[in-house]
Amino acid sequence: MSFEKDFLNLLKSTTTFVRESETAEFVTPAEFQALYREPMIAEPKPSNPTTLPFKPAPSPVAAAQKELKALLTSPVESSVMTVSKSPKHGAKPETDAKQIRSLLGKIAPSLSLAELVPEDHTAKKVLSSYQENLGQVDVVLISFEQDEATLNLLKNLAKAIDQKLGKAKLIAGARLEREKRWDTFLEQNPVKLIIATAGISHFNEIMRYYSGHPATGEAYLGKIPLLTLQEASAYDQPQENKAALWKHLCQLFNR
């Protein structure tokens, strides 16, 4: 019975489908393609047809970069990048330097521009100035003699200063005198006190930075107080000479 019932239901459904198909409106393939040529949903039209889409203005930095690139890539014959035939050393080329500086100022405001390229020996001197830096030092002892008595005196003074006052450094002055680097040395080492041996007066380069005040007994190398020692033999006897030297040294250090 169930088989007959299922068959009757199938027959009934088929008959209904055929009847509906006779009255249905079918879409041809060509009509189907035409339906999808246009968007299914209409795009909204702008409320004000005269309003143009918003375009952000280029940034000042981007505009300056574009202008600088055009300036630097222009032909050499142009008036902007023309250089004189035989420019003197250090002379400015005939370029529109103001325009280039202005553009670079917009692109990199923190950039520092030099008017002239430094000479070779000046650049090397600046580059190697770090070599004269002694680090964290309070007192510098400079030897202009090589005899054993003088060196022993300086070593003993340096040891006492290290123990009682501050960091001390003993150096030889011959190289700085020969290379004329006293200016760099004094700039790189703003110490509290410089102690030099008696032979300092025979070295012309360092004496250019010497200033003495006979009325007060004060002396300086640049702006740094200077203590000039006597011959090493003067501190052998009597003992009071060593005590007087140490007292004077401490007074200069604690100024």
Protein backbone atom coordinates (compact mmCIF):
# COMPACT_ATOMS: atom_id res chain seq x y z
CA MET A 1 0.00 0.00 0.00
CA SER A 2 2.79 2.41 0.79
CA PHE A 3 4.32 1.89 -2.64
CA GLU A 4 1.06 2.71 -4.38
CA LYS A 5 0.58 5.77 -2.18
CA ASP A 6 4.07 7.10 -2.98
CA PHE A 7 3.51 6.52 -6.68
CA LEU A 8 0.26 8.45 -6.63
CA ASN A 9 1.89 11.37 -4.80
CA LEU A 10 4.72 11.48 -7.34
CA LEU A 11 2.24 11.42 -10.22
CA LYS A 12 0.26 14.23 -8.67
CA SER A 13 3.38 16.39 -8.18
CA THR A 14 4.48 15.81 -11.77
CA THR A 15 1.09 16.79 -13.13
CA THR A 16 1.12 20.01 -11.10
CA PHE A 17 4.65 20.93 -12.30
CA VAL A 18 3.67 20.42 -15.95
CA ARG A 19 0.60 22.64 -15.62
CA GLU A 20 2.58 25.45 -13.96
CA SER A 21 5.32 25.21 -16.59
CA GLU A 22 2.82 25.82 -19.39
CA THR A 23 1.91 29.22 -17.93
CA ALA A 24 5.37 30.32 -16.54
CA GLU A 25 7.47 33.05 -18.22
CA PHE A 26 10.98 31.78 -18.77
CA VAL A 27 14.06 34.06 -19.28
CA THR A 28 16.20 33.31 -22.32
CA PRO A 29 20.02 33.09 -21.97
CA ALA A 30 20.41 36.38 -23.84
CA GLU A 31 17.92 38.09 -21.54
CA PHE A 32 19.72 36.63 -18.50
CA GLN A 33 23.06 38.10 -19.59
CA ALA A 34 21.45 41.49 -20.21
CA LEU A 35 20.18 41.58 -16.64
CA TYR A 36 23.77 41.54 -15.27
CA ARG A 37 25.26 44.11 -17.57
CA GLU A 38 23.99 46.87 -15.30
CA PRO A 39 24.56 46.94 -11.53
CA MET A 40 21.87 45.26 -9.53
CA ILE A 41 21.83 48.20 -7.05
CA ALA A 42 21.95 51.73 -8.32
CA GLU A 43 24.85 53.81 -6.97
CA PRO A 44 23.75 56.83 -4.91
CA LYS A 45 24.21 60.11 -6.74
CA PRO A 46 25.93 63.00 -4.94
CA SER A 47 23.56 65.50 -3.43
CA ASN A 48 25.54 68.35 -5.02
CA PRO A 49 26.73 67.39 -8.53
CA THR A 50 29.09 70.39 -8.68
CA THR A 51 31.13 69.24 -5.64
CA LEU A 52 34.42 67.62 -6.64
CA PRO A 53 36.01 64.74 -4.65
CA PHE A 54 38.34 65.96 -1.84
CA LYS A 55 42.07 65.69 -2.56
CA PRO A 56 44.47 66.45 0.33
CA ALA A 57 47.10 69.08 -0.40
CA PRO A 58 50.71 67.82 -0.59
CA SER A 59 52.78 68.33 2.58
CA PRO A 60 55.36 71.17 2.63
CA VAL A 61 58.17 68.64 3.11
CA ALA A 62 57.11 66.59 0.07
CA ALA A 63 56.82 69.73 -2.02
CA ALA A 64 60.27 70.90 -0.92
CA GLN A 65 61.79 67.49 -1.67
CA LYS A 66 60.30 67.53 -5.17
CA GLU A 67 61.57 71.04 -5.83
CA LEU A 68 65.06 70.24 -4.51
CA LYS A 69 65.27 67.11 -6.65
CA ALA A 70 64.35 69.10 -9.74
CA LEU A 71 66.93 71.73 -8.80
CA LEU A 72 69.80 69.29 -8.30
CA THR A 73 69.00 67.20 -11.39
CA SER A 74 68.82 70.17 -13.72
CA PRO A 75 71.48 70.41 -16.49
CA VAL A 76 74.92 71.64 -15.46
CA GLU A 77 74.62 74.51 -17.96
CA SER A 78 71.74 76.02 -15.99
CA SER A 79 72.33 79.14 -13.95
CA VAL A 80 71.52 77.27 -10.77
CA MET A 81 74.40 74.79 -10.74
CA THR A 82 77.06 76.64 -12.75
CA VAL A 83 80.49 76.78 -11.07
CA SER A 84 83.17 79.30 -11.96
CA LYS A 85 86.03 77.99 -14.11
CA SER A 86 88.77 78.53 -11.52
CA PRO A 87 87.20 79.01 -8.09
CA LYS A 88 89.58 79.94 -5.32
CA HIS A 89 90.02 77.52 -2.43
CA GLY A 90 87.11 77.95 -0.07
CA ALA A 91 85.23 80.29 -2.42
CA LYS A 92 81.52 79.78 -2.92
CA PRO A 93 80.39 78.33 -6.29
CA GLU A 94 78.06 80.44 -8.38
CA THR A 95 74.93 78.59 -7.35
CA ASP A 96 71.62 79.62 -5.97
CA ALA A 97 72.75 78.70 -2.46
CA LYS A 98 69.94 80.61 -0.79
CA GLN A 99 67.33 78.54 -2.61
CA ILE A 100 69.04 75.25 -1.70
CA ARG A 101 69.43 76.30 1.95
CA SER A 102 65.77 77.31 2.05
CA LEU A 103 64.61 73.96 0.69
CA LEU A 104 66.88 72.00 3.03
CA GLY A 105 65.56 74.08 5.92
CA LYS A 106 62.04 72.91 5.11
CA ILE A 107 63.02 69.27 4.65
CA ALA A 108 65.32 69.00 7.71
CA PRO A 109 65.00 72.02 10.04
CA SER A 110 67.51 70.54 12.51
CA LEU A 111 70.23 70.23 9.86
CA SER A 112 73.17 72.60 10.36
CA LEU A 113 74.76 73.83 7.15
CA ALA A 114 78.26 75.27 6.91
CA GLU A 115 78.94 78.19 4.62
CA LEU A 116 82.35 76.83 3.54
CA VAL A 117 83.96 73.40 3.48
CA PRO A 118 86.73 73.36 6.12
CA GLU A 119 90.29 73.05 4.92
CA ASP A 120 91.87 69.61 5.02
CA HIS A 121 94.26 70.17 7.92
CA THR A 122 91.48 71.80 9.98
CA ALA A 123 89.16 68.86 9.36
CA LYS A 124 91.86 66.37 10.34
CA LYS A 125 92.59 68.32 13.49
CA VAL A 126 88.96 68.31 14.55
CA LEU A 127 88.63 64.60 13.73
CA SER A 128 91.64 63.64 15.85
CA SER A 129 90.91 66.00 18.75
CA TYR A 130 89.46 63.14 20.79
CA GLN A 131 92.95 61.62 20.98
CA GLU A 132 94.04 64.42 23.33
CA ASN A 133 91.22 63.85 25.79
CA LEU A 134 92.54 62.34 29.04
CA GLY A 135 89.16 61.46 30.46
CA GLN A 136 88.05 62.39 33.96
CA VAL A 137 91.21 64.00 35.29
CA ASP A 138 91.54 66.76 37.91
CA VAL A 139 95.28 67.52 37.69
CA VAL A 140 97.70 67.14 34.77
CA LEU A 141 101.44 66.96 35.38
CA ILE A 142 103.52 67.80 32.29
CA SER A 143 107.17 66.84 32.03
CA PHE A 144 109.52 68.85 29.81
CA GLU A 145 112.62 67.05 31.12
CA GLN A 146 113.64 63.42 30.92
CA ASP A 147 116.07 63.14 33.85
CA GLU A 148 115.36 60.56 36.50
CA ALA A 149 115.15 63.02 39.41
CA THR A 150 112.46 65.11 37.71
CA LEU A 151 110.42 62.06 36.70
CA ASN A 152 110.58 60.66 40.24
CA LEU A 153 109.38 64.00 41.64
CA LEU A 154 106.42 64.06 39.25
CA LYS A 155 105.49 60.44 39.97
CA ASN A 156 105.52 61.06 43.73
CA LEU A 157 103.39 64.18 43.32
CA ALA A 158 100.91 62.33 41.09
CA LYS A 159 100.61 59.54 43.66
CA ALA A 160 100.00 62.00 46.51
CA ILE A 161 97.39 63.91 44.48
CA ASP A 162 95.58 60.66 43.63
CA GLN A 163 95.42 59.75 47.29
CA LYS A 164 94.56 63.15 48.78
CA LEU A 165 92.90 65.39 46.18
CA GLY A 166 91.70 63.84 42.94
CA LYS A 167 92.61 62.00 39.76
CA ALA A 168 96.07 62.95 38.40
CA LYS A 169 97.70 62.19 35.06
CA LEU A 170 101.39 62.47 34.11
CA ILE A 171 102.23 63.16 30.46
CA ALA A 172 105.25 64.24 28.38
CA GLY A 173 104.98 67.61 26.64
CA ALA A 174 107.38 67.00 23.73
CA ARG A 175 104.82 65.55 21.30
CA LEU A 176 102.18 68.22 21.90
CA GLU A 177 104.84 70.88 21.44
CA ARG A 178 106.13 69.30 18.24
CA GLU A 179 102.65 68.84 16.73
CA LYS A 180 101.41 72.25 17.95
CA ARG A 181 98.36 70.76 19.61
CA TRP A 182 98.30 72.64 22.89
CA ASP A 183 95.12 74.46 21.91
CA THR A 184 93.31 71.16 21.34
CA PHE A 185 94.75 69.69 24.54
CA LEU A 186 93.56 72.63 26.66
CA GLU A 187 90.11 72.56 25.06
CA GLN A 188 89.71 68.82 25.59
CA ASN A 189 90.93 68.83 29.21
CA PRO A 190 89.43 71.62 31.34
CA VAL A 191 91.19 70.37 34.47
CA LYS A 192 91.48 72.16 37.81
CA LEU A 193 95.27 72.49 37.77
CA ILE A 194 98.28 71.97 35.52
CA ILE A 195 101.70 71.28 37.04
CA ALA A 196 104.69 71.75 34.73
CA THR A 197 108.41 71.28 35.19
CA ALA A 198 110.88 74.18 35.07
CA GLY A 199 111.73 73.55 31.41
CA ILE A 200 108.34 74.83 30.21
CA SER A 201 109.82 78.28 29.60
CA HIS A 202 111.97 76.87 26.76
CA PHE A 203 109.01 75.60 24.73
CA ASN A 204 107.62 78.38 22.55
CA GLU A 205 104.32 76.77 21.50
CA ILE A 206 102.97 76.17 24.98
CA MET A 207 104.20 79.57 26.15
CA ARG A 208 101.79 81.15 23.66
CA TYR A 209 99.02 80.12 26.09
CA TYR A 210 100.89 81.26 29.19
CA SER A 211 99.81 84.30 31.16
CA GLY A 212 101.41 85.41 34.44
CA HIS A 213 100.47 87.97 37.07
CA PRO A 214 103.59 88.93 39.04
CA ALA A 215 101.63 91.03 41.53
CA THR A 216 99.61 88.06 42.72
CA GLY A 217 102.03 85.29 41.76
CA GLU A 218 99.31 83.58 39.69
CA ALA A 219 99.93 81.91 36.34
CA TYR A 220 97.65 80.26 33.79
CA LEU A 221 97.72 78.10 30.68
CA GLY A 222 94.71 79.36 28.84
CA LYS A 223 92.16 79.57 31.64
CA ILE A 224 93.63 76.77 33.77
CA PRO A 225 95.78 77.59 36.84
CA LEU A 226 99.44 76.67 36.36
CA LEU A 227 102.00 75.62 38.96
CA THR A 228 105.59 75.67 37.67
CA LEU A 229 108.03 73.53 39.64
CA GLN A 230 111.61 74.39 40.44
CA GLU A 231 114.49 72.08 39.61
CA ALA A 232 114.03 68.66 41.23
CA SER A 233 117.08 69.17 43.44
CA ALA A 234 115.36 72.12 45.15
CA TYR A 235 112.92 69.72 46.85
CA ASP A 236 115.57 67.36 48.25
CA GLN A 237 116.65 69.51 51.17
CA PRO A 238 115.39 71.05 53.32
CA GLN A 239 112.11 69.24 53.97
CA GLU A 240 110.28 72.55 54.29
CA ASN A 241 110.43 73.02 50.53
CA LYS A 242 108.31 69.93 49.94
CA ALA A 243 105.81 71.06 52.56
CA ALA A 244 105.58 74.52 50.98
CA LEU A 245 105.06 72.96 47.54
CA TRP A 246 102.26 70.75 48.78
CA LYS A 247 100.55 73.64 50.56
CA HIS A 248 100.68 75.80 47.46
CA LEU A 249 99.42 72.94 45.32
CA CYS A 250 96.41 72.39 47.61
CA GLN A 251 95.55 76.09 47.58
CA LEU A 252 95.49 76.19 43.78
CA PHE A 253 93.48 72.97 43.57
CA ASN A 254 90.80 74.15 46.03
CA ARG A 255 90.20 77.53 44.35
